[in-house]
């Protein structure tokens, strides 16, 4: 094999590779002999089929296999011999080949940049933490009690906001009943916002036994396309009006929720707040770390990685703009200005991703299979009743599994860096902990995305 470097500019390397015809012919002959030993053909004894006959029938497919194998093998050799770490999949183009002739191809590859990591002992960060306020626990208890309150039927009284009405209804669009638009004995809490906007308001003041025609319009973004934006009439009969009972905050409420007593319920609420605060604290600390790392490194990134990252976030932006009707004019910026901003975000993400990946590589940060399995089970639990299908999907899609592995790897790298950094603990109020330090959110968006 002959390798000639034809370009070495920045992170791009280009090579001309020549694979001798003799090497190609040797591989073809070996493959033909392998096929001849296993196939059956009329008129020939097994294993005695002449290579020429086999080549006539299978020559084209064998040639394709051998060329692909030769390109894959020799391109790997190019990378190994030149100690190259590719950042993206090499681009290969066959420039010359005829049967019995040398194989020639060009190979273009972007390589990983080289940079000094240094140590992280001089990184100074503040980890914000908040204590759980008993007032928050009491307010949460009141919300839980209200959500689990019971109702009792009231006689000869009109329905008020906060009441529950038991109704039969049937919906019509353009005079025709539509599927899924009817129910009997449905318990609807007025003011809950459960139904289409305007529906619940038109039942205020209704009494048991009363019939009403409720006229509403489905929202433009309604999930069922055949109903979106359509005017509808619901023929509704109020069967009962039910008033809420006073919500009790006691052991009975806790038992209703599967806990032993009120103290156990309060402890569960505290744990929930604590968990949320810890998660937010972690996110803010990680963001601060990534901000600090972004200011430490300045190196060229592979153009292909940058372009792919930019195209991804630009598509997210334009899709969101199309969904909401937002325009560049409403942002008071030109498209070119917004593109420049988002290209800077893409550059930051790619550079941070390369830094984290290098920290992980140098320090041999590994993600165990059981860690990925735990993430897979957690993902499957988000789709009750479809867990087996979700797990099967990930098992059959290596890219999807890599997407599960990436944030685990990133978090482990972040922990590795934090262990070296100077991290000061600062107790703040829950309100301050919840505050976004960057109101426009773009820096946070750039930081929070999985980079590794």
Protein backbone atom coordinates (compact mmCIF):
# COMPACT_ATOMS: atom_id res chain seq x y z
CA UNK A 1 0.00 0.00 0.00
CA UNK A 2 1.28 3.44 -0.94
CA UNK A 3 0.16 6.47 1.12
CA UNK A 4 0.80 10.04 0.00
CA UNK A 5 -0.25 13.02 2.10
CA UNK A 6 -1.62 15.64 -0.28
CA UNK A 7 -2.82 18.28 2.18
CA UNK A 8 -2.28 19.08 5.85
CA UNK A 9 -4.05 22.34 6.62
CA UNK A 10 -5.36 23.04 10.10
CA UNK A 11 -7.26 19.98 11.32
CA UNK A 12 -7.84 18.62 7.79
CA UNK A 13 -5.69 15.85 6.35
CA UNK A 14 -5.93 14.54 2.78
CA UNK A 15 -4.27 11.40 1.45
CA UNK A 16 -3.92 9.55 -1.81
CA UNK A 17 -3.91 5.79 -1.23
CA UNK A 18 -2.86 3.15 -3.76
CA UNK A 19 -3.62 -0.51 -3.08
CA UNK A 20 -1.64 -2.84 -5.40
CA UNK A 21 -3.60 -4.93 -7.86
CA UNK A 22 -1.84 -8.05 -6.56
CA UNK A 23 -3.31 -7.46 -3.10
CA UNK A 24 -6.83 -7.05 -4.54
CA UNK A 25 -6.45 -10.17 -6.72
CA UNK A 26 -5.22 -12.18 -3.74
CA UNK A 27 -8.26 -11.24 -1.68
CA UNK A 28 -10.62 -12.03 -4.59
CA UNK A 29 -9.03 -15.44 -5.16
CA UNK A 30 -9.28 -16.26 -1.44
CA UNK A 31 -12.95 -15.29 -1.35
CA UNK A 32 -13.72 -17.27 -4.52
CA UNK A 33 -12.01 -20.35 -3.05
CA UNK A 34 -14.06 -19.95 0.13
CA UNK A 35 -17.30 -19.78 -1.85
CA UNK A 36 -16.31 -22.75 -4.07
CA UNK A 37 -15.82 -24.92 -0.99
CA UNK A 38 -19.33 -24.26 0.35
CA UNK A 39 -21.77 -23.88 -2.58
CA UNK A 40 -23.51 -26.55 -4.66
CA UNK A 41 -23.86 -26.36 -8.44
CA UNK A 42 -25.43 -28.90 -10.84
CA UNK A 43 -22.84 -31.03 -12.59
CA UNK A 44 -20.12 -30.55 -10.01
CA UNK A 45 -19.20 -32.44 -6.88
CA UNK A 46 -19.17 -30.41 -3.66
CA UNK A 47 -15.82 -28.67 -3.22
CA UNK A 48 -14.75 -29.47 -6.80
CA UNK A 49 -16.25 -26.47 -8.61
CA UNK A 50 -13.59 -24.71 -10.74
CA UNK A 51 -12.70 -21.20 -9.53
CA UNK A 52 -13.34 -19.86 -13.03
CA UNK A 53 -16.97 -21.05 -12.90
CA UNK A 54 -17.50 -19.59 -9.44
CA UNK A 55 -15.94 -16.31 -10.55
CA UNK A 56 -18.30 -16.06 -13.53
CA UNK A 57 -21.33 -16.32 -11.26
CA UNK A 58 -20.15 -14.48 -8.14
CA UNK A 59 -17.36 -12.27 -9.43
CA UNK A 60 -19.25 -8.95 -9.31
CA UNK A 61 -20.48 -9.35 -5.75
CA UNK A 62 -17.09 -10.63 -4.59
CA UNK A 63 -15.40 -7.66 -6.24
CA UNK A 64 -17.68 -5.27 -4.34
CA UNK A 65 -17.02 -7.01 -1.02
CA UNK A 66 -13.26 -7.05 -1.55
CA UNK A 67 -13.09 -3.39 -2.55
CA UNK A 68 -15.10 -2.36 0.50
CA UNK A 69 -12.94 -4.51 2.75
CA UNK A 70 -9.74 -3.17 1.18
CA UNK A 71 -10.82 0.46 1.60
CA UNK A 72 -11.88 -0.08 5.22
CA UNK A 73 -8.69 -1.93 6.13
CA UNK A 74 -6.28 0.43 4.39
CA UNK A 75 -8.03 3.59 5.61
CA UNK A 76 -7.68 2.32 9.18
CA UNK A 77 -4.00 1.71 8.44
CA UNK A 78 -3.64 5.30 7.23
CA UNK A 79 -5.01 6.57 10.54
CA UNK A 80 -2.86 4.19 12.60
CA UNK A 81 0.38 4.86 10.71
CA UNK A 82 -0.06 8.62 11.01
CA UNK A 83 -1.27 8.51 14.64
CA UNK A 84 -4.48 10.30 13.71
CA UNK A 85 -7.56 10.56 15.92
CA UNK A 86 -10.45 11.26 13.54
CA UNK A 87 -13.05 13.76 14.72
CA UNK A 88 -15.56 12.73 12.06
CA UNK A 89 -16.03 9.82 9.68
CA UNK A 90 -13.37 10.02 6.93
CA UNK A 91 -14.62 10.90 3.44
CA UNK A 92 -13.40 8.42 0.87
CA UNK A 93 -13.66 8.62 -2.92
CA UNK A 94 -12.39 5.91 -5.26
CA UNK A 95 -10.53 7.74 -8.03
CA UNK A 96 -9.31 4.81 -10.17
CA UNK A 97 -9.94 1.09 -10.45
CA UNK A 98 -10.22 -1.49 -13.21
CA UNK A 99 -10.09 -5.24 -12.85
CA UNK A 100 -6.46 -6.28 -12.66
CA UNK A 101 -5.32 -2.72 -11.91
CA UNK A 102 -4.31 -0.90 -8.73
CA UNK A 103 -7.05 0.58 -6.54
CA UNK A 104 -6.62 4.30 -5.98
CA UNK A 105 -8.71 6.45 -3.66
CA UNK A 106 -8.58 9.79 -1.87
CA UNK A 107 -9.23 10.14 1.83
CA UNK A 108 -10.14 13.34 3.63
CA UNK A 109 -10.31 13.29 7.42
CA UNK A 110 -10.71 15.91 10.13
CA UNK A 111 -8.65 15.14 13.21
CA UNK A 112 -9.12 15.94 16.86
CA UNK A 113 -7.34 19.10 17.99
CA UNK A 114 -4.44 18.87 20.41
CA UNK A 115 -4.48 21.09 23.50
CA UNK A 116 -3.14 21.09 27.03
CA UNK A 117 -5.75 20.30 29.66
CA UNK A 118 -3.75 21.49 32.65
CA UNK A 119 -5.15 20.83 36.11
CA UNK A 120 -8.32 22.23 37.62
CA UNK A 121 -7.16 23.05 41.13
CA UNK A 122 -7.42 26.79 40.40
CA UNK A 123 -11.05 26.61 39.28
CA UNK A 124 -13.13 28.38 41.93
CA UNK A 125 -16.88 27.72 42.08
CA UNK A 126 -19.81 28.32 44.41
CA UNK A 127 -22.33 25.57 45.07
CA UNK A 128 -25.64 27.11 46.13
CA UNK A 129 -27.78 25.09 48.52
CA UNK A 130 -31.17 25.76 50.10
CA UNK A 131 -32.79 24.38 53.23
CA UNK A 132 -36.37 23.16 53.14
CA UNK A 133 -38.67 25.71 54.77
CA UNK A 134 -41.51 24.27 56.86
CA UNK A 135 -43.78 26.88 55.32
CA UNK A 136 -43.18 25.22 51.95
CA UNK A 137 -44.06 21.85 53.46
CA UNK A 138 -47.32 23.25 54.87
CA UNK A 139 -48.24 24.86 51.54
CA UNK A 140 -47.52 21.59 49.73
CA UNK A 141 -49.74 19.76 52.23
CA UNK A 142 -52.58 22.16 51.49
CA UNK A 143 -52.18 21.61 47.74
CA UNK A 144 -52.14 17.84 48.20
CA UNK A 145 -55.21 17.99 50.41
CA UNK A 146 -57.04 20.16 47.87
CA UNK A 147 -56.12 17.79 45.02
CA UNK A 148 -57.40 14.83 47.02
CA UNK A 149 -60.51 16.45 48.47
CA UNK A 150 -63.84 14.70 48.24
CA UNK A 151 -67.12 16.09 47.02
CA UNK A 152 -70.68 15.70 48.29
CA UNK A 153 -73.90 16.20 46.39
CA UNK A 154 -75.79 19.41 47.16
CA UNK A 155 -79.48 19.80 46.49
CA UNK A 156 -81.18 22.73 44.82
CA UNK A 157 -78.04 24.82 44.41
CA UNK A 158 -76.46 26.26 41.30
CA UNK A 159 -72.93 25.15 40.40
CA UNK A 160 -70.14 27.50 41.48
CA UNK A 161 -66.49 27.72 40.58
CA UNK A 162 -64.68 25.01 42.54
CA UNK A 163 -67.72 22.71 42.53
CA UNK A 164 -67.79 19.40 40.69
CA UNK A 165 -70.59 18.61 38.27
CA UNK A 166 -71.50 15.15 37.06
CA UNK A 167 -72.56 15.46 33.42
CA UNK A 168 -73.61 13.57 30.32
CA UNK A 169 -72.51 15.24 27.10
CA UNK A 170 -72.38 14.70 23.36
CA UNK A 171 -70.36 16.89 20.99
CA UNK A 172 -71.22 17.97 17.44
CA UNK A 173 -69.12 19.65 14.74
CA UNK A 174 -70.99 20.98 11.70
CA UNK A 175 -74.07 19.22 13.03
CA UNK A 176 -72.39 15.80 13.09
CA UNK A 177 -71.46 13.89 16.25
CA UNK A 178 -67.72 13.12 16.37
CA UNK A 179 -65.86 10.17 17.81
CA UNK A 180 -64.68 10.61 21.38
CA UNK A 181 -66.99 13.57 21.94
CA UNK A 182 -69.43 11.99 24.36
CA UNK A 183 -69.52 10.56 27.87
CA UNK A 184 -71.96 9.70 30.63
CA UNK A 185 -71.54 10.40 34.33
CA UNK A 186 -68.36 12.41 33.82
CA UNK A 187 -67.18 14.26 36.96
CA UNK A 188 -65.85 17.68 35.96
CA UNK A 189 -64.32 20.13 38.45
CA UNK A 190 -65.30 23.65 37.42
CA UNK A 191 -62.30 25.93 37.19
CA UNK A 192 -59.86 23.06 36.73
CA UNK A 193 -59.19 23.86 33.07
CA UNK A 194 -59.64 20.20 32.22
CA UNK A 195 -61.89 20.78 29.20
CA UNK A 196 -61.70 23.03 26.15
CA UNK A 197 -61.44 26.73 27.10
CA UNK A 198 -64.92 28.14 27.74
CA UNK A 199 -66.59 24.79 28.40
CA UNK A 200 -66.51 24.89 32.18
CA UNK A 201 -67.50 28.57 32.35
CA UNK A 202 -70.77 27.81 30.55
CA UNK A 203 -71.78 25.34 33.26
CA UNK A 204 -71.51 27.88 36.07
CA UNK A 205 -74.95 28.51 37.54
CA UNK A 206 -76.39 25.22 36.28
CA UNK A 207 -78.50 23.05 38.55
CA UNK A 208 -79.03 19.29 38.68
CA UNK A 209 -81.37 18.16 35.89
CA UNK A 210 -80.64 21.20 33.74
CA UNK A 211 -79.71 20.83 30.06
CA UNK A 212 -77.36 23.26 28.36
CA UNK A 213 -75.84 23.67 24.91
CA UNK A 214 -72.18 24.48 25.42
CA UNK A 215 -70.67 26.28 22.43
CA UNK A 216 -66.88 26.30 22.17
CA UNK A 217 -64.07 26.21 19.61
CA UNK A 218 -61.25 23.71 19.63
CA UNK A 219 -57.79 25.35 19.88
CA UNK A 220 -55.84 25.68 16.63
CA UNK A 221 -53.11 23.43 18.04
CA UNK A 222 -55.56 20.76 19.29
CA UNK A 223 -54.09 17.26 19.15
CA UNK A 224 -56.78 15.84 16.83
CA UNK A 225 -56.19 17.57 13.49
CA UNK A 226 -59.76 16.99 12.23
CA UNK A 227 -61.06 19.03 15.21
CA UNK A 228 -58.36 21.71 15.49
CA UNK A 229 -59.83 25.20 15.15
CA UNK A 230 -63.39 23.86 14.64
CA UNK A 231 -66.49 25.25 16.36
CA UNK A 232 -68.37 22.66 18.38
CA UNK A 233 -71.65 22.34 20.29
CA UNK A 234 -71.93 19.99 23.27
CA UNK A 235 -75.41 18.94 24.34
CA UNK A 236 -74.89 18.66 28.09
CA UNK A 237 -77.07 17.40 30.93
CA UNK A 238 -76.09 18.20 34.51
CA UNK A 239 -76.88 15.11 36.62
CA UNK A 240 -75.45 16.32 39.96
CA UNK A 241 -73.86 19.36 41.52
CA UNK A 242 -71.27 18.46 44.13
CA UNK A 243 -69.58 20.83 46.59
CA UNK A 244 -66.06 20.16 47.90
CA UNK A 245 -65.72 18.92 51.43
CA UNK A 246 -63.26 20.65 53.71
CA UNK A 247 -59.84 19.21 52.93
CA UNK A 248 -58.47 17.43 55.98
CA UNK A 249 -54.74 17.43 56.64
CA UNK A 250 -54.41 14.43 58.89
CA UNK A 251 -53.40 10.78 59.10
CA UNK A 252 -56.37 9.83 56.90
CA UNK A 253 -54.97 11.92 54.05
CA UNK A 254 -51.57 10.23 54.42
CA UNK A 255 -53.16 6.78 54.46
CA UNK A 256 -55.11 7.65 51.32
CA UNK A 257 -51.76 8.30 49.64
CA UNK A 258 -50.29 5.00 50.86
CA UNK A 259 -48.28 6.38 53.80
CA UNK A 260 -48.49 5.42 57.47
CA UNK A 261 -49.40 8.79 58.95
CA UNK A 262 -49.17 12.55 58.57
CA UNK A 263 -45.57 12.66 59.81
CA UNK A 264 -44.57 10.20 57.10
CA UNK A 265 -46.32 12.37 54.49
CA UNK A 266 -44.47 15.48 55.72
CA UNK A 267 -41.16 13.58 55.60
CA UNK A 268 -41.89 12.51 52.00
CA UNK A 269 -42.63 16.11 51.05
CA UNK A 270 -39.37 17.30 52.63
CA UNK A 271 -37.45 14.60 50.75
CA UNK A 272 -39.09 15.70 47.51
CA UNK A 273 -38.12 19.35 48.07
CA UNK A 274 -34.62 18.29 49.08
CA UNK A 275 -34.24 16.21 45.95
CA UNK A 276 -35.40 19.07 43.72
CA UNK A 277 -33.10 21.56 45.43
CA UNK A 278 -30.15 19.18 45.11
CA UNK A 279 -30.87 18.73 41.41
CA UNK A 280 -31.10 22.47 40.76
CA UNK A 281 -27.95 23.06 42.82
CA UNK A 282 -26.14 20.46 40.73
CA UNK A 283 -27.35 21.99 37.45
CA UNK A 284 -26.22 25.48 38.46
CA UNK A 285 -22.84 24.24 39.64
CA UNK A 286 -22.34 22.31 36.41
CA UNK A 287 -23.29 25.37 34.39
CA UNK A 288 -20.82 27.51 36.35
CA UNK A 289 -18.11 24.90 35.75
CA UNK A 290 -18.78 24.83 32.00
CA UNK A 291 -18.71 28.63 31.93
CA UNK A 292 -15.33 28.51 33.68
CA UNK A 293 -14.01 25.88 31.25
CA UNK A 294 -15.24 27.86 28.25
CA UNK A 295 -13.04 30.75 29.36
CA UNK A 296 -9.93 28.56 29.78
CA UNK A 297 -9.63 27.05 26.31
CA UNK A 298 -9.17 28.57 22.88
CA UNK A 299 -8.41 26.12 20.07
CA UNK A 300 -9.59 25.30 16.57
CA UNK A 301 -12.45 22.81 16.34
CA UNK A 302 -13.17 20.43 13.45
CA UNK A 303 -15.28 22.25 10.85
CA UNK A 304 -17.52 19.23 10.30
CA UNK A 305 -18.38 18.95 13.99
CA UNK A 306 -19.07 22.68 14.20
CA UNK A 307 -21.31 22.65 11.15
CA UNK A 308 -23.29 19.63 12.36
CA UNK A 309 -23.81 21.24 15.77
CA UNK A 310 -24.86 24.55 14.25
CA UNK A 311 -27.30 22.90 11.84
CA UNK A 312 -28.87 21.01 14.74
CA UNK A 313 -29.51 24.04 16.94
CA UNK A 314 -30.52 26.19 13.97
CA UNK A 315 -33.18 23.66 13.03
CA UNK A 316 -34.46 23.68 16.62
CA UNK A 317 -34.71 27.47 16.47
CA UNK A 318 -36.44 27.65 13.08
CA UNK A 319 -38.87 24.86 14.01
CA UNK A 320 -39.78 26.75 17.18
CA UNK A 321 -40.17 29.99 15.22
CA UNK A 322 -42.50 28.26 12.76
CA UNK A 323 -44.55 26.80 15.61
CA UNK A 324 -44.92 30.09 17.51
CA UNK A 325 -45.01 32.50 14.57
CA UNK A 326 -41.93 34.34 15.80
CA UNK A 327 -39.85 36.22 13.22
CA UNK A 328 -36.36 37.71 13.10
CA UNK A 329 -38.02 41.12 12.97
CA UNK A 330 -39.80 40.41 16.26
CA UNK A 331 -36.37 39.62 17.75
CA UNK A 332 -35.24 43.01 16.42
CA UNK A 333 -32.31 41.28 14.69
CA UNK A 334 -31.44 40.23 11.17
CA UNK A 335 -31.18 36.56 10.26
CA UNK A 336 -27.43 36.98 9.77
CA UNK A 337 -27.07 38.42 13.29
CA UNK A 338 -29.00 35.52 14.81
CA UNK A 339 -26.97 33.03 12.76
CA UNK A 340 -23.78 34.57 14.12
CA UNK A 341 -25.05 34.27 17.70
CA UNK A 342 -26.05 30.64 17.27
CA UNK A 343 -22.81 29.77 15.51
CA UNK A 344 -21.00 31.11 18.59
CA UNK A 345 -23.18 28.87 20.77
CA UNK A 346 -22.38 25.91 18.51
CA UNK A 347 -18.64 26.67 18.76
CA UNK A 348 -18.86 26.82 22.55
CA UNK A 349 -20.70 23.50 22.72
CA UNK A 350 -18.28 21.69 20.41
CA UNK A 351 -15.23 23.06 22.21
CA UNK A 352 -16.62 22.15 25.64
CA UNK A 353 -17.53 18.72 24.34
CA UNK A 354 -13.97 18.16 23.16
CA UNK A 355 -12.57 19.32 26.50
CA UNK A 356 -14.82 16.99 28.49
CA UNK A 357 -14.12 14.11 26.13
CA UNK A 358 -10.37 14.66 26.51
CA UNK A 359 -10.62 14.80 30.31
CA UNK A 360 -12.50 11.51 30.19
CA UNK A 361 -9.99 9.92 27.80
CA UNK A 362 -6.88 11.02 29.66
CA UNK A 363 -8.30 9.95 33.03
CA UNK A 364 -9.86 6.74 31.72
CA UNK A 365 -13.39 7.67 32.81
CA UNK A 366 -15.58 4.67 32.06
CA UNK A 367 -19.34 4.09 31.97
CA UNK A 368 -20.25 0.63 33.21
CA UNK A 369 -22.90 -1.44 31.46
CA UNK A 370 -24.99 -1.52 34.63
CA UNK A 371 -25.08 2.30 34.62
CA UNK A 372 -26.43 2.29 31.08
CA UNK A 373 -28.93 -0.41 32.02
CA UNK A 374 -30.21 1.71 34.91
CA UNK A 375 -30.66 4.65 32.53
CA UNK A 376 -32.44 2.38 30.06
CA UNK A 377 -34.84 1.12 32.74
CA UNK A 378 -35.48 4.71 33.86
CA UNK A 379 -36.26 5.67 30.25
CA UNK A 380 -38.60 2.69 29.82
CA UNK A 381 -40.54 3.65 32.97
CA UNK A 382 -41.54 6.89 31.27
CA UNK A 383 -43.74 4.86 28.93
CA UNK A 384 -46.02 2.71 31.13
CA UNK A 385 -47.24 -0.37 29.32
CA UNK A 386 -44.61 -0.04 26.59
CA UNK A 387 -41.50 -0.83 28.61
CA UNK A 388 -40.57 -3.93 26.61
CA UNK A 389 -40.84 -2.06 23.30
CA UNK A 390 -38.70 0.81 24.58
CA UNK A 391 -35.98 -1.55 25.81
CA UNK A 392 -36.05 -3.47 22.52
CA UNK A 393 -35.72 -0.21 20.56
CA UNK A 394 -32.59 0.80 22.47
CA UNK A 395 -31.08 -2.67 22.24
CA UNK A 396 -31.47 -2.62 18.45
CA UNK A 397 -30.22 0.97 17.98
CA UNK A 398 -26.56 1.55 18.94
CA UNK A 399 -26.92 5.31 18.35
CA UNK A 400 -29.81 5.47 20.83
CA UNK A 401 -27.76 3.57 23.42
CA UNK A 402 -24.85 5.95 22.87
CA UNK A 403 -27.25 8.83 23.50
CA UNK A 404 -28.09 7.25 26.88
CA UNK A 405 -24.43 6.69 27.68
CA UNK A 406 -23.27 10.24 26.78
CA UNK A 407 -24.86 12.19 29.69
CA UNK A 408 -23.68 9.55 32.16
CA UNK A 409 -20.13 9.93 30.85
CA UNK A 410 -20.41 13.71 30.98
CA UNK A 411 -21.60 13.72 34.58
CA UNK A 412 -18.75 11.44 35.62
CA UNK A 413 -16.24 13.73 33.92
CA UNK A 414 -17.82 16.76 35.61
CA UNK A 415 -17.51 14.99 38.98
CA UNK A 416 -13.86 14.25 38.23
CA UNK A 417 -13.17 17.94 37.57
CA UNK A 418 -15.20 19.13 40.57
CA UNK A 419 -13.15 16.86 42.82
CA UNK A 420 -10.08 18.92 41.88
CA UNK A 421 -11.71 22.36 41.87
CA UNK A 422 -12.23 24.67 44.84
CA UNK A 423 -15.97 24.52 45.54
CA UNK A 424 -17.43 26.80 48.22
CA UNK A 425 -20.81 25.94 49.73
CA UNK A 426 -23.26 28.83 50.03
CA UNK A 427 -26.68 28.54 51.68
CA UNK A 428 -29.31 30.63 49.89
CA UNK A 429 -33.08 30.93 49.98
CA UNK A 430 -35.12 28.59 47.81
CA UNK A 431 -36.20 31.62 45.77
CA UNK A 432 -32.59 32.60 45.05
CA UNK A 433 -31.68 29.01 44.23
CA UNK A 434 -34.44 28.92 41.60
CA UNK A 435 -33.28 32.13 39.92
CA UNK A 436 -31.72 31.79 36.46
CA UNK A 437 -28.47 33.80 36.53
CA UNK A 438 -28.86 34.50 32.83
CA UNK A 439 -32.37 35.65 31.98
CA UNK A 440 -32.00 35.13 28.23
CA UNK A 441 -31.10 31.50 28.94
CA UNK A 442 -28.77 31.10 25.95
CA UNK A 443 -25.60 30.55 27.97
CA UNK A 444 -27.41 28.03 30.09
CA UNK A 445 -28.77 26.35 26.99
CA UNK A 446 -25.26 26.10 25.63
CA UNK A 447 -23.97 24.71 28.92
CA UNK A 448 -26.67 22.25 29.81
CA UNK A 449 -26.66 20.28 26.57
CA UNK A 450 -24.81 16.99 26.73
CA UNK A 451 -21.43 17.74 25.22
CA UNK A 452 -19.40 14.59 25.54
